[in-house]
N, C-alpha and C. Protein backbone atom coordinates (compact mmCIF):
# COMPACT_ATOMS: atom_id res chain seq x y z
N UNK A 1 -22.75 -13.09 2.20
CA UNK A 1 -23.16 -11.84 1.62
C UNK A 1 -22.99 -11.92 0.10
N UNK A 2 -23.97 -11.50 -0.64
CA UNK A 2 -23.92 -11.48 -2.10
C UNK A 2 -23.97 -10.04 -2.59
N UNK A 3 -23.22 -9.77 -3.61
CA UNK A 3 -23.20 -8.43 -4.20
C UNK A 3 -23.54 -8.57 -5.67
N UNK A 4 -24.56 -7.84 -6.13
CA UNK A 4 -24.93 -7.86 -7.54
C UNK A 4 -24.13 -6.78 -8.24
N UNK A 5 -23.39 -7.17 -9.26
CA UNK A 5 -22.59 -6.23 -10.03
C UNK A 5 -23.12 -6.12 -11.44
N UNK A 6 -23.23 -4.91 -11.96
CA UNK A 6 -23.63 -4.76 -13.35
C UNK A 6 -22.49 -5.25 -14.25
N UNK A 7 -22.78 -5.56 -15.51
CA UNK A 7 -21.71 -5.98 -16.42
C UNK A 7 -20.64 -4.90 -16.52
N UNK A 8 -19.41 -5.32 -16.67
CA UNK A 8 -18.30 -4.38 -16.80
C UNK A 8 -17.08 -4.86 -16.05
N UNK A 9 -16.05 -4.05 -16.08
CA UNK A 9 -14.81 -4.38 -15.38
C UNK A 9 -14.86 -3.76 -14.00
N UNK A 10 -14.56 -4.56 -13.00
CA UNK A 10 -14.59 -4.10 -11.62
C UNK A 10 -13.25 -4.38 -10.97
N UNK A 11 -12.95 -3.63 -9.94
CA UNK A 11 -11.74 -3.83 -9.16
C UNK A 11 -12.16 -4.19 -7.75
N UNK A 12 -11.51 -5.18 -7.18
CA UNK A 12 -11.81 -5.60 -5.81
C UNK A 12 -10.67 -5.13 -4.93
N UNK A 13 -10.99 -4.42 -3.87
CA UNK A 13 -9.98 -3.96 -2.92
C UNK A 13 -10.16 -4.72 -1.62
N UNK A 14 -9.12 -5.40 -1.17
CA UNK A 14 -9.15 -6.13 0.09
C UNK A 14 -8.22 -5.45 1.08
N UNK A 15 -8.69 -5.30 2.30
CA UNK A 15 -7.87 -4.73 3.36
C UNK A 15 -7.61 -5.86 4.34
N UNK A 16 -6.38 -6.32 4.43
CA UNK A 16 -6.06 -7.47 5.27
C UNK A 16 -4.92 -7.13 6.22
N UNK A 17 -4.92 -7.79 7.35
CA UNK A 17 -3.87 -7.62 8.35
C UNK A 17 -3.32 -8.99 8.73
N UNK A 18 -2.03 -9.06 9.04
CA UNK A 18 -1.45 -10.31 9.54
C UNK A 18 -1.98 -10.55 10.95
N UNK A 19 -2.21 -11.79 11.26
CA UNK A 19 -2.72 -12.17 12.57
C UNK A 19 -1.70 -11.87 13.66
N UNK A 20 -2.18 -11.41 14.79
CA UNK A 20 -1.29 -11.17 15.92
C UNK A 20 -1.02 -12.45 16.70
N UNK A 21 -1.65 -13.53 16.32
CA UNK A 21 -1.50 -14.82 17.01
C UNK A 21 -0.31 -15.62 16.50
N UNK A 22 0.50 -15.03 15.63
CA UNK A 22 1.66 -15.72 15.10
C UNK A 22 1.38 -16.52 13.85
N UNK A 23 0.16 -16.50 13.39
CA UNK A 23 -0.19 -17.21 12.17
C UNK A 23 0.36 -16.47 10.97
N UNK A 24 0.69 -17.19 9.93
CA UNK A 24 1.19 -16.54 8.72
C UNK A 24 0.06 -16.16 7.78
N UNK A 25 -1.15 -16.53 8.11
CA UNK A 25 -2.28 -16.21 7.25
C UNK A 25 -2.69 -14.75 7.37
N UNK A 26 -3.61 -14.35 6.52
CA UNK A 26 -4.14 -12.99 6.54
C UNK A 26 -5.61 -13.04 6.94
N UNK A 27 -6.04 -12.02 7.65
CA UNK A 27 -7.44 -11.88 8.00
C UNK A 27 -8.00 -10.71 7.20
N UNK A 28 -9.08 -10.94 6.49
CA UNK A 28 -9.69 -9.88 5.70
C UNK A 28 -10.64 -9.12 6.61
N UNK A 29 -10.33 -7.85 6.83
CA UNK A 29 -11.14 -7.02 7.72
C UNK A 29 -12.27 -6.31 6.99
N UNK A 30 -12.01 -5.95 5.76
CA UNK A 30 -12.96 -5.12 5.04
C UNK A 30 -12.70 -5.29 3.56
N UNK A 31 -13.72 -5.17 2.74
CA UNK A 31 -13.49 -5.21 1.30
C UNK A 31 -14.50 -4.33 0.58
N UNK A 32 -14.13 -3.93 -0.62
CA UNK A 32 -15.00 -3.09 -1.43
C UNK A 32 -14.93 -3.57 -2.87
N UNK A 33 -16.06 -3.61 -3.52
CA UNK A 33 -16.13 -3.92 -4.94
C UNK A 33 -16.81 -2.74 -5.61
N UNK A 34 -16.09 -2.09 -6.51
CA UNK A 34 -16.61 -0.90 -7.16
C UNK A 34 -16.16 -0.87 -8.61
N UNK A 35 -16.87 -0.13 -9.46
CA UNK A 35 -16.37 0.05 -10.82
C UNK A 35 -14.99 0.68 -10.79
N UNK A 36 -14.16 0.38 -11.76
CA UNK A 36 -12.79 0.89 -11.77
C UNK A 36 -12.72 2.40 -11.67
N UNK A 37 -13.68 3.11 -12.20
CA UNK A 37 -13.65 4.58 -12.14
C UNK A 37 -13.77 5.08 -10.71
N UNK A 38 -14.30 4.25 -9.80
CA UNK A 38 -14.44 4.67 -8.40
C UNK A 38 -13.10 4.67 -7.68
N UNK A 39 -12.08 4.09 -8.26
CA UNK A 39 -10.78 4.00 -7.63
C UNK A 39 -9.80 5.03 -8.19
N UNK A 40 -10.28 6.21 -8.52
CA UNK A 40 -9.42 7.24 -9.11
C UNK A 40 -8.30 7.65 -8.16
N UNK A 41 -8.51 7.50 -6.84
CA UNK A 41 -7.44 7.83 -5.90
C UNK A 41 -6.31 6.80 -5.96
N UNK A 42 -6.53 5.70 -6.67
CA UNK A 42 -5.52 4.65 -6.81
C UNK A 42 -4.54 4.94 -7.94
N UNK A 43 -4.46 6.18 -8.37
CA UNK A 43 -3.52 6.52 -9.43
C UNK A 43 -2.73 7.76 -9.01
N UNK A 44 -1.63 8.01 -9.70
CA UNK A 44 -0.82 9.19 -9.38
C UNK A 44 -0.90 10.20 -10.52
N UNK A 45 -0.95 11.45 -10.14
CA UNK A 45 -1.09 12.53 -11.12
C UNK A 45 0.27 13.12 -11.49
N UNK A 46 1.26 12.97 -10.64
CA UNK A 46 2.59 13.50 -10.91
C UNK A 46 3.57 12.36 -11.19
N UNK A 47 4.68 12.68 -11.84
CA UNK A 47 5.64 11.65 -12.23
C UNK A 47 6.24 10.92 -11.03
N UNK A 48 6.48 11.62 -9.94
CA UNK A 48 7.09 11.00 -8.76
C UNK A 48 6.08 10.32 -7.84
N UNK A 49 4.80 10.64 -8.02
CA UNK A 49 3.78 10.05 -7.17
C UNK A 49 3.71 10.65 -5.78
N UNK A 50 4.31 11.83 -5.59
CA UNK A 50 4.25 12.46 -4.27
C UNK A 50 2.81 12.82 -3.88
N UNK A 51 1.93 12.92 -4.87
CA UNK A 51 0.53 13.24 -4.63
C UNK A 51 -0.31 12.00 -4.31
N UNK A 52 0.25 10.82 -4.45
CA UNK A 52 -0.53 9.58 -4.34
C UNK A 52 -1.03 9.39 -2.91
N UNK A 53 -2.35 9.21 -2.77
CA UNK A 53 -2.99 9.01 -1.46
C UNK A 53 -3.88 7.77 -1.45
N UNK A 54 -3.63 6.85 -2.36
CA UNK A 54 -4.47 5.66 -2.48
C UNK A 54 -4.14 4.60 -1.44
N UNK A 55 -4.71 3.42 -1.64
CA UNK A 55 -4.58 2.34 -0.66
C UNK A 55 -3.83 1.12 -1.21
N UNK A 56 -3.05 1.31 -2.27
CA UNK A 56 -2.25 0.20 -2.78
C UNK A 56 -1.28 -0.25 -1.69
N UNK A 57 -1.25 -1.54 -1.42
CA UNK A 57 -0.39 -2.09 -0.37
C UNK A 57 0.39 -3.30 -0.88
N UNK A 58 0.75 -3.26 -2.15
CA UNK A 58 1.57 -4.30 -2.77
C UNK A 58 2.71 -3.63 -3.51
N UNK A 59 3.89 -4.25 -3.46
CA UNK A 59 4.99 -3.69 -4.24
C UNK A 59 4.85 -4.12 -5.69
N UNK A 60 5.80 -3.74 -6.52
CA UNK A 60 5.69 -4.02 -7.96
C UNK A 60 5.78 -5.51 -8.27
N UNK A 61 6.22 -6.32 -7.31
CA UNK A 61 6.27 -7.77 -7.49
C UNK A 61 5.11 -8.46 -6.76
N UNK A 62 4.11 -7.69 -6.37
CA UNK A 62 2.89 -8.17 -5.71
C UNK A 62 3.15 -8.78 -4.34
N UNK A 63 4.19 -8.30 -3.65
CA UNK A 63 4.44 -8.71 -2.27
C UNK A 63 3.72 -7.73 -1.37
N UNK A 64 3.10 -8.24 -0.31
CA UNK A 64 2.37 -7.39 0.61
C UNK A 64 3.27 -6.45 1.40
N UNK A 65 2.79 -5.23 1.58
CA UNK A 65 3.55 -4.22 2.31
C UNK A 65 3.26 -4.34 3.81
N UNK A 66 4.27 -4.03 4.61
CA UNK A 66 4.13 -4.02 6.06
C UNK A 66 3.79 -2.61 6.53
N UNK A 67 3.25 -2.51 7.73
CA UNK A 67 2.86 -1.23 8.29
C UNK A 67 4.07 -0.32 8.47
N UNK A 68 3.89 0.95 8.12
CA UNK A 68 4.95 1.94 8.32
C UNK A 68 5.23 2.14 9.80
N UNK A 69 4.30 1.78 10.66
CA UNK A 69 4.47 2.03 12.09
C UNK A 69 5.14 0.87 12.83
N UNK A 70 5.69 -0.11 12.10
CA UNK A 70 6.42 -1.19 12.76
C UNK A 70 7.54 -0.63 13.61
N UNK A 71 7.74 -1.21 14.77
CA UNK A 71 8.83 -0.78 15.64
C UNK A 71 10.11 -1.48 15.19
N UNK A 72 10.80 -0.86 14.26
CA UNK A 72 12.01 -1.44 13.69
C UNK A 72 13.21 -0.70 14.27
N UNK A 73 14.18 -1.45 14.74
CA UNK A 73 15.32 -0.81 15.39
C UNK A 73 16.30 -0.20 14.40
N UNK A 74 16.28 -0.62 13.17
CA UNK A 74 17.18 -0.06 12.16
C UNK A 74 16.81 1.41 11.94
N UNK A 75 17.72 2.31 12.23
CA UNK A 75 17.43 3.74 12.19
C UNK A 75 17.18 4.31 10.80
N UNK A 76 17.50 3.57 9.77
CA UNK A 76 17.29 4.12 8.43
C UNK A 76 15.81 4.15 8.04
N UNK A 77 14.98 3.46 8.76
CA UNK A 77 13.55 3.47 8.45
C UNK A 77 12.85 4.61 9.17
N UNK A 78 11.86 5.11 8.52
CA UNK A 78 11.12 6.25 9.05
C UNK A 78 10.13 5.76 10.10
N UNK A 79 10.13 6.41 11.24
CA UNK A 79 9.19 6.04 12.31
C UNK A 79 7.80 6.57 11.98
N UNK A 80 6.80 5.98 12.61
CA UNK A 80 5.41 6.33 12.32
C UNK A 80 5.07 7.76 12.72
N UNK A 81 5.87 8.37 13.57
CA UNK A 81 5.58 9.74 13.98
C UNK A 81 5.89 10.75 12.88
N UNK A 82 6.69 10.38 11.91
CA UNK A 82 7.02 11.27 10.80
C UNK A 82 5.99 11.13 9.68
N UNK A 83 5.61 12.26 9.07
CA UNK A 83 4.72 12.26 7.90
C UNK A 83 3.41 11.54 8.16
N UNK A 84 3.00 11.45 9.43
CA UNK A 84 1.74 10.81 9.80
C UNK A 84 1.62 9.42 9.19
N UNK A 85 2.72 8.66 9.22
CA UNK A 85 2.72 7.34 8.60
C UNK A 85 1.80 6.35 9.30
N UNK A 86 1.51 6.58 10.57
CA UNK A 86 0.58 5.69 11.27
C UNK A 86 -0.79 5.72 10.60
N UNK A 87 -1.15 6.86 10.02
CA UNK A 87 -2.45 6.99 9.36
C UNK A 87 -2.50 6.29 8.01
N UNK A 88 -1.35 6.08 7.37
CA UNK A 88 -1.35 5.47 6.05
C UNK A 88 -1.13 3.96 6.12
N UNK A 89 -1.13 3.42 7.32
CA UNK A 89 -1.06 1.97 7.54
C UNK A 89 0.08 1.33 6.76
N UNK A 90 -0.22 0.51 5.78
CA UNK A 90 0.83 -0.15 5.00
C UNK A 90 0.75 0.26 3.52
N UNK A 91 0.18 1.42 3.25
CA UNK A 91 -0.02 1.86 1.88
C UNK A 91 1.27 2.40 1.25
N UNK A 92 1.38 2.28 -0.05
CA UNK A 92 2.52 2.81 -0.79
C UNK A 92 2.52 4.34 -0.71
N UNK A 93 3.70 4.91 -0.47
CA UNK A 93 3.83 6.37 -0.39
C UNK A 93 5.19 6.80 -0.90
N UNK A 94 5.27 8.05 -1.37
CA UNK A 94 6.54 8.67 -1.69
C UNK A 94 6.82 9.65 -0.55
N UNK A 95 7.70 9.27 0.33
CA UNK A 95 7.95 9.99 1.57
C UNK A 95 8.75 11.27 1.31
N UNK A 96 8.31 12.41 1.89
CA UNK A 96 9.08 13.64 1.75
C UNK A 96 10.51 13.43 2.26
N UNK A 97 11.46 13.98 1.55
CA UNK A 97 12.85 13.86 1.95
C UNK A 97 13.57 12.67 1.31
N UNK A 98 12.82 11.75 0.74
CA UNK A 98 13.42 10.62 0.04
C UNK A 98 13.52 10.99 -1.44
N UNK A 99 14.50 10.51 -2.11
CA UNK A 99 14.69 10.82 -3.53
C UNK A 99 14.17 9.66 -4.38
N UNK A 100 12.93 9.26 -4.13
CA UNK A 100 12.33 8.13 -4.83
C UNK A 100 11.69 8.59 -6.13
N UNK A 101 11.69 7.74 -7.13
CA UNK A 101 11.07 8.04 -8.41
C UNK A 101 9.57 7.78 -8.39
N UNK A 102 9.09 7.01 -7.43
CA UNK A 102 7.67 6.67 -7.32
C UNK A 102 7.40 6.19 -5.90
N UNK A 103 6.12 5.99 -5.53
CA UNK A 103 5.82 5.52 -4.18
C UNK A 103 6.50 4.17 -3.88
N UNK A 104 6.84 3.99 -2.63
CA UNK A 104 7.46 2.76 -2.12
C UNK A 104 6.65 2.24 -0.95
N UNK A 105 6.99 1.04 -0.52
CA UNK A 105 6.44 0.51 0.71
C UNK A 105 7.50 -0.34 1.38
N UNK A 106 7.19 -0.82 2.56
CA UNK A 106 8.11 -1.60 3.36
C UNK A 106 7.76 -3.08 3.20
N UNK A 107 8.73 -3.89 2.75
CA UNK A 107 8.50 -5.33 2.60
C UNK A 107 9.59 -6.09 3.35
N UNK A 108 9.34 -7.37 3.58
CA UNK A 108 10.35 -8.23 4.20
C UNK A 108 11.20 -8.83 3.09
N UNK A 109 12.51 -8.74 3.23
CA UNK A 109 13.41 -9.34 2.24
C UNK A 109 13.61 -10.82 2.55
N UNK A 110 14.31 -11.51 1.69
CA UNK A 110 14.53 -12.94 1.85
C UNK A 110 15.26 -13.24 3.16
N UNK A 111 16.17 -12.35 3.57
CA UNK A 111 16.93 -12.61 4.80
C UNK A 111 16.20 -12.15 6.06
N UNK A 112 14.95 -11.70 5.92
CA UNK A 112 14.13 -11.33 7.07
C UNK A 112 14.24 -9.88 7.49
N UNK A 113 15.07 -9.10 6.83
CA UNK A 113 15.14 -7.68 7.15
C UNK A 113 14.06 -6.94 6.37
N UNK A 114 13.79 -5.71 6.76
CA UNK A 114 12.80 -4.89 6.07
C UNK A 114 13.51 -3.95 5.11
N UNK A 115 12.96 -3.81 3.92
CA UNK A 115 13.55 -2.94 2.91
C UNK A 115 12.45 -2.13 2.23
N UNK A 116 12.85 -1.00 1.64
CA UNK A 116 11.92 -0.24 0.82
C UNK A 116 11.81 -0.90 -0.54
N UNK A 117 10.63 -0.89 -1.11
CA UNK A 117 10.42 -1.49 -2.43
C UNK A 117 9.42 -0.65 -3.21
N UNK A 118 9.71 -0.44 -4.50
CA UNK A 118 8.83 0.38 -5.33
C UNK A 118 7.48 -0.29 -5.55
N UNK A 119 6.46 0.54 -5.61
CA UNK A 119 5.10 0.08 -5.91
C UNK A 119 4.78 0.46 -7.36
N UNK A 120 4.00 -0.32 -8.00
CA UNK A 120 3.63 -0.07 -9.39
C UNK A 120 2.28 0.63 -9.42
N UNK A 121 2.30 1.95 -9.32
CA UNK A 121 1.07 2.76 -9.30
C UNK A 121 0.87 3.35 -10.69
N UNK A 122 -0.31 3.20 -11.22
CA UNK A 122 -0.58 3.71 -12.56
C UNK A 122 -0.82 5.23 -12.51
N UNK A 123 -0.66 5.86 -13.66
CA UNK A 123 -0.96 7.28 -13.79
C UNK A 123 -2.46 7.46 -13.99
N UNK A 124 -3.00 8.56 -13.48
CA UNK A 124 -4.41 8.88 -13.66
C UNK A 124 -4.68 9.22 -15.13
N UNK A 125 -5.85 8.85 -15.60
CA UNK A 125 -6.24 9.23 -16.96
C UNK A 125 -6.54 10.72 -16.95
N UNK A 126 -6.32 11.38 -18.08
CA UNK A 126 -6.51 12.83 -18.14
C UNK A 126 -7.92 13.23 -18.31
């Protein structure tokens, strides 16, 4: 498939999922190429980012976020039934009830446990 893009700066959004076959690779399910102005939902309007509803799925160190609906036995993590997290897949969010300064996501730490990690979401232009 070829996409003709006019001159300018564009942002590419990839939606990928880890394989259920045990592979460590990613499968790209869907992608979009649009002018940067088309991604206005990819920014936050408030300082805490509680309004953020975009599809950023990388933490501030560019590590991929895991699905909020993972069945994790550690009780400190929010289950998918709360805040409709199953609908937000693995996107960065500022969860109600958490005292976060900006949206976070769930990543795997070096020791294999899951931890919350801040996402680097830009502010919307005025």
